[in-house]
Protein backbone atom coordinates (compact mmCIF):
# COMPACT_ATOMS: atom_id res chain seq x y z
CA MET A 1 117.85 108.19 103.87
CA ILE A 2 114.90 110.46 102.93
CA ASN A 3 114.31 113.20 105.49
CA ASN A 4 115.86 110.97 108.21
CA LEU A 5 112.62 108.92 108.43
CA GLN A 6 113.96 105.45 107.84
CA LEU A 7 113.61 105.29 104.05
CA SER A 8 116.79 103.96 102.49
CA GLN A 9 117.84 104.84 98.91
CA GLU A 10 117.75 101.21 97.98
CA GLN A 11 114.11 100.89 99.11
CA VAL A 12 113.09 103.99 97.19
CA ASP A 13 114.96 102.96 94.10
CA ASN A 14 113.22 99.58 94.05
CA ILE A 15 109.86 101.23 94.19
CA ILE A 16 110.80 103.82 91.45
CA ASP A 17 112.20 101.09 89.22
CA ILE A 18 108.88 99.28 89.20
CA ALA A 19 106.94 102.54 88.46
CA LEU A 20 109.36 103.50 85.62
CA ALA A 21 109.18 100.01 84.05
CA GLU A 22 105.41 100.28 84.15
CA ASP A 23 105.42 103.67 82.28
CA ILE A 24 108.45 103.91 79.97
CA SER A 25 109.78 100.33 79.43
CA HIS A 26 108.60 100.75 75.76
CA GLY A 27 109.89 104.17 75.40
CA ASP A 28 108.08 107.49 75.05
CA ILE A 29 107.12 107.22 71.43
CA THR A 30 105.31 110.64 71.31
CA SER A 31 108.32 112.62 72.57
CA GLU A 32 110.72 110.61 70.55
CA ALA A 33 108.65 111.26 67.38
CA LEU A 34 108.32 114.95 67.96
CA ILE A 35 110.97 116.42 70.25
CA PRO A 36 114.55 116.87 68.93
CA PRO A 37 116.88 114.95 71.25
CA GLU A 38 119.21 117.95 71.46
CA LEU A 39 116.38 120.27 72.76
CA GLN A 40 117.30 121.54 76.21
CA GLY A 41 115.10 123.40 78.67
CA LYS A 42 113.89 123.86 82.13
CA ALA A 43 110.57 122.78 83.76
CA SER A 44 108.98 123.71 87.06
CA MET A 45 106.74 121.60 89.38
CA LEU A 46 103.88 123.94 90.22
CA VAL A 47 101.56 123.63 93.13
CA LYS A 48 97.88 124.35 92.41
CA ALA A 49 96.30 123.65 95.81
CA ARG A 50 96.94 124.15 99.55
CA GLY A 51 98.49 121.28 101.42
CA ILE A 52 101.59 119.66 102.85
CA LEU A 53 104.41 118.59 100.58
CA ALA A 54 105.70 115.03 100.67
CA GLY A 55 107.80 113.05 98.18
CA GLY A 56 110.10 115.78 96.86
CA GLU A 57 113.14 113.64 97.13
CA VAL A 58 111.34 110.77 95.54
CA ALA A 59 110.30 112.84 92.54
CA LYS A 60 113.89 114.14 92.20
CA ARG A 61 115.20 110.59 92.17
CA VAL A 62 112.78 109.72 89.41
CA PHE A 63 114.21 112.41 87.13
CA LEU A 64 117.76 111.31 87.91
CA LYS A 65 116.95 107.67 87.29
CA VAL A 66 115.66 108.57 83.83
CA ASP A 67 118.56 110.77 83.01
CA PRO A 68 121.48 111.28 85.43
CA SER A 69 122.60 114.33 83.48
CA LEU A 70 119.45 116.29 84.44
CA LYS A 71 119.84 118.98 87.06
CA VAL A 72 117.06 118.84 89.59
CA GLU A 73 116.75 121.49 92.32
CA LEU A 74 114.31 121.00 95.19
CA LEU A 75 113.05 124.45 96.40
CA ILE A 76 110.64 123.27 99.16
CA LYS A 77 111.28 120.56 101.65
CA ASP A 78 108.94 117.75 102.62
CA GLY A 79 106.68 118.77 105.54
CA ALA A 80 106.29 122.36 104.40
CA LYS A 81 102.94 124.00 103.87
CA VAL A 82 102.38 124.83 100.17
CA LYS A 83 99.92 127.02 98.29
CA PRO A 84 98.87 127.70 94.68
CA GLY A 85 101.68 129.17 92.75
CA ASP A 86 104.51 127.71 94.80
CA ILE A 87 107.30 126.02 92.80
CA VAL A 88 108.32 122.73 94.41
CA ALA A 89 111.26 122.00 92.23
CA THR A 90 112.82 122.58 88.85
CA ALA A 91 114.37 120.12 86.34
CA SER A 92 116.84 121.24 83.66
CA GLY A 93 118.39 119.38 80.78
CA ARG A 94 117.21 117.28 77.88
CA VAL A 95 113.49 117.95 77.27
CA THR A 96 112.82 114.38 76.21
CA SER A 97 114.21 113.14 79.48
CA ILE A 98 112.08 115.58 81.55
CA LEU A 99 108.95 114.48 79.69
CA LYS A 100 109.75 110.76 80.20
CA ALA A 101 110.02 111.28 83.92
CA GLU A 102 107.18 113.74 84.29
CA ARG A 103 104.17 111.45 85.03
CA VAL A 104 105.93 109.01 87.37
CA ALA A 105 107.49 111.91 89.36
CA LEU A 106 104.08 113.64 89.64
CA ASN A 107 102.37 110.46 90.56
CA PHE A 108 104.57 109.97 93.60
CA LEU A 109 104.63 113.68 94.56
CA THR A 110 100.84 114.27 94.28
CA ARG A 111 99.83 111.11 96.05
CA LEU A 112 102.35 111.36 98.92
CA SER A 113 101.48 115.07 99.32
CA GLY A 114 97.80 114.18 99.40
CA ILE A 115 98.36 111.67 102.17
CA ALA A 116 100.48 114.06 104.19
CA SER A 117 97.89 116.89 103.70
CA GLN A 118 94.93 114.73 104.78
CA THR A 119 96.87 113.47 107.86
CA ALA A 120 97.52 117.08 108.78
CA GLN A 121 93.83 117.86 108.49
CA TYR A 122 92.90 115.03 110.85
CA ILE A 123 95.54 116.25 113.32
CA ALA A 124 94.24 119.74 113.13
CA GLN A 125 90.71 118.50 114.07
CA THR A 126 92.06 116.85 117.23
CA HIS A 127 94.06 119.87 118.37
CA GLY A 128 93.98 120.24 122.20
CA PHE A 129 93.65 116.50 122.89
CA VAL A 130 96.48 114.04 123.80
CA VAL A 131 95.79 111.56 121.08
CA SER A 132 97.77 110.00 118.26
CA ILE A 133 96.61 109.77 114.65
CA THR A 134 97.90 106.63 113.02
CA ASP A 135 97.58 104.85 109.70
CA THR A 136 96.74 101.16 109.05
CA ARG A 137 97.86 98.48 106.60
CA LYS A 138 95.24 99.70 104.05
CA THR A 139 97.92 100.90 101.67
CA THR A 140 98.58 100.71 97.94
CA PRO A 141 100.27 97.42 97.18
CA GLY A 142 104.02 98.08 96.78
CA LEU A 143 103.82 101.61 98.12
CA ARG A 144 103.44 101.00 101.83
CA LEU A 145 106.81 102.36 102.91
CA LEU A 146 106.31 105.67 100.97
CA GLU A 147 102.72 106.10 102.03
CA LYS A 148 103.49 105.49 105.69
CA TYR A 149 106.38 107.98 105.21
CA ALA A 150 103.90 110.49 103.96
CA VAL A 151 101.74 109.95 107.03
CA ARG A 152 104.68 110.85 109.28
CA ILE A 153 105.46 113.86 107.16
CA GLY A 154 101.87 114.99 107.85
CA GLY A 155 102.35 114.65 111.60
CA GLY A 156 100.85 111.22 112.06
CA ARG A 157 102.25 107.95 113.37
CA ASN A 158 102.55 104.55 111.87
CA HIS A 159 100.63 101.54 113.06
CA ARG A 160 101.99 98.10 112.00
CA PHE A 161 104.06 98.00 108.84
CA HIS A 162 103.50 94.24 108.30
CA LEU A 163 102.01 91.23 110.04
CA GLY A 164 105.16 90.52 111.86
CA ASP A 165 105.23 94.03 113.45
CA GLY A 166 102.94 93.23 116.39
CA ILE A 167 100.15 91.02 117.62
CA LEU A 168 96.67 92.36 116.83
CA ILE A 169 93.82 89.89 117.45
CA LYS A 170 91.11 90.95 115.00
CA ASP A 171 87.51 89.70 114.40
CA ASN A 172 88.49 86.82 112.11
CA HIS A 173 91.05 85.51 114.61
CA LEU A 174 88.36 85.60 117.24
CA ALA A 175 85.78 83.90 114.95
CA ALA A 176 88.21 81.13 114.02
CA LEU A 177 89.07 80.38 117.64
CA ARG A 178 85.67 80.76 119.02
CA ALA A 179 84.53 78.10 116.58
CA LEU A 180 87.06 75.87 118.44
CA GLY A 181 85.33 76.68 121.72
CA MET A 182 87.74 79.32 123.03
CA SER A 183 86.56 82.44 124.87
CA LEU A 184 87.94 85.89 124.14
CA LYS A 185 89.79 85.75 127.47
CA GLU A 186 91.38 82.42 126.55
CA ILE A 187 92.40 83.78 123.17
CA VAL A 188 94.17 86.75 124.70
CA VAL A 189 95.89 84.65 127.33
CA LYS A 190 97.09 82.29 124.65
CA ALA A 191 98.45 85.23 122.56
CA LYS A 192 100.40 86.60 125.50
CA GLN A 193 101.86 83.17 126.29
CA ASN A 194 103.00 82.71 122.68
CA ALA A 195 103.99 86.24 121.88
CA PRO A 196 107.68 86.99 121.34
CA LYS A 197 109.29 88.63 124.39
CA ASN A 198 108.36 92.25 125.06
CA LEU A 199 105.74 92.34 122.23
CA LYS A 200 102.52 93.99 123.18
CA VAL A 201 99.21 92.19 122.52
CA GLU A 202 96.32 94.18 121.08
CA VAL A 203 92.83 92.85 120.72
CA GLU A 204 89.92 94.28 118.68
CA VAL A 205 86.56 94.46 120.50
CA SER A 206 83.11 95.67 119.60
CA THR A 207 81.28 95.66 122.85
CA THR A 208 81.78 96.76 126.46
CA GLN A 209 81.71 93.12 127.57
CA GLU A 210 84.48 92.13 125.14
CA ALA A 211 86.56 95.07 126.26
CA MET A 212 86.32 94.03 129.93
CA GLU A 213 87.17 90.40 129.04
CA ALA A 214 90.22 91.67 127.28
CA VAL A 215 91.20 93.70 130.35
CA GLU A 216 90.86 90.72 132.62
CA ALA A 217 93.00 88.66 130.25
CA GLY A 218 95.80 91.19 130.41
CA ALA A 219 95.66 92.73 126.98
CA ASP A 220 98.17 95.62 126.58
CA ILE A 221 96.05 97.55 124.00
CA ILE A 222 92.31 97.43 123.35
CA MET A 223 91.02 98.49 119.93
CA LEU A 224 87.39 99.78 119.97
CA ASP A 225 86.10 98.76 116.60
CA ASN A 226 83.26 100.81 115.00
CA MET A 227 81.83 101.94 118.35
CA SER A 228 79.73 104.99 118.74
CA THR A 229 81.45 107.88 120.58
CA GLU A 230 79.11 107.38 123.54
CA GLU A 231 80.12 103.68 123.71
CA MET A 232 83.80 104.70 123.50
CA ARG A 233 83.46 107.18 126.41
CA HIS A 234 81.77 104.51 128.56
CA VAL A 235 84.47 101.90 127.78
CA VAL A 236 87.23 104.40 128.38
CA SER A 237 85.86 105.16 131.84
CA LEU A 238 86.02 101.43 132.77
CA ILE A 239 89.55 100.56 131.46
CA PRO A 240 92.51 101.08 133.66
CA SER A 241 94.86 103.91 132.70
CA HIS A 242 97.85 101.61 132.10
CA ILE A 243 96.02 99.85 129.17
CA LYS A 244 96.13 101.80 125.94
CA ILE A 245 93.01 102.30 124.00
CA GLU A 246 92.68 102.66 120.28
CA ALA A 247 89.62 103.74 118.24
CA SER A 248 89.17 102.40 114.71
CA GLY A 249 86.48 102.08 112.10
CA GLY A 250 84.40 104.74 110.47
CA ILE A 251 86.51 107.60 111.46
CA THR A 252 86.12 110.73 109.29
CA LEU A 253 87.08 114.37 109.49
CA ALA A 254 83.53 115.08 110.63
CA ASN A 255 83.69 112.83 113.70
CA VAL A 256 87.35 112.51 114.57
CA ARG A 257 87.21 115.39 117.15
CA ALA A 258 84.31 113.69 118.88
CA VAL A 259 86.30 110.39 118.99
CA ALA A 260 89.25 112.22 120.41
CA MET A 261 87.04 113.68 123.12
CA SER A 262 86.16 110.14 124.25
CA GLY A 263 89.55 109.80 125.85
CA VAL A 264 91.13 107.14 123.61
CA ASN A 265 94.94 107.26 123.21
CA THR A 266 95.07 106.50 119.57
CA ILE A 267 92.83 106.82 116.55
CA SER A 268 93.70 104.68 113.54
CA ILE A 269 92.37 105.75 110.10
CA GLY A 270 92.53 103.69 106.99
CA ALA A 271 91.38 106.57 104.86
CA LEU A 272 94.75 108.30 105.35
CA THR A 273 96.33 105.94 102.75
CA HIS A 274 93.41 104.11 101.01
CA SER A 275 91.52 107.17 99.84
CA PRO A 276 93.43 110.41 99.93
CA GLN A 277 92.79 113.18 97.45
CA ALA A 278 95.96 113.79 95.45
CA LEU A 279 97.47 117.28 95.93
CA ASP A 280 97.19 119.07 92.57
CA ILE A 281 100.84 119.72 91.23
CA SER A 282 101.74 119.99 87.60
CA LEU A 283 104.97 120.18 85.61
CA GLU A 284 105.24 123.14 83.28
CA LEU A 285 107.99 123.70 80.69
CA GLU A 286 109.40 127.24 80.64
CA PRO A 287 109.34 128.28 76.96
CA GLN A 288 111.99 131.03 77.30
CA THR A 289 114.55 128.39 78.46
CA LEU A 290 114.15 126.08 75.45
CA GLU A 291 117.07 125.90 73.00
CA LEU A 292 118.70 123.46 70.64
CA LEU A 293 122.26 122.61 71.60
């Protein structure tokens, strides 16, 4: 497990194997042409910006996958705040192995830390309100488990992991069934009738009228899609407290606090995983440690 957040070593290894095959399946011809195989040394992973660290164990695993003889020491745990000059980890051993692992390890570390850092920024903007910040399924293909892990490290929560993880009636479901003559209320009722036992039914709405139809049909969760904050406040005032309300669409750091003030229970943000800024972290060899053995 990684940080006790439901990531098995097998799952992580599968993702890492794909990334390594992409980068070094044909070898590292530059290092192999220039660096003596017997050159040993130590490298540090150096932070160059403020943020939240995520992916340390994944980066460590990359190095050990490339060369099990490397000694990798994690100095800062996932979830910790980091600043320029902090050393996340060190890797010691064969220099050619360190260089082979460098890019893949940093790719995981910088992206996951970027996601965690951005999630923490959104949460900070909603301080004082009882609201959850969640991700969406707008993730990098193949990296969903790791990216959703990073959201949790940043203090957020996970929405659906996959299409079998809950019933969410979205605009295209509504469009398809309305073309067959069904009303929104009839669609929600059908979903509740056919839903697996104890599974909640969520429906996406874009108007007050649709929201009230969903309430009448017995929806468990209502998603307010791309509504203005004024519309959100109005809808929230009309919906019974036992029904959960989610806001989604067009949420940014600039408006997330206003959305939280509307009284919704959850704010889902695709940008957490589809467009985070990577946290700047580099790997630096320590010249004084280099020696031929």
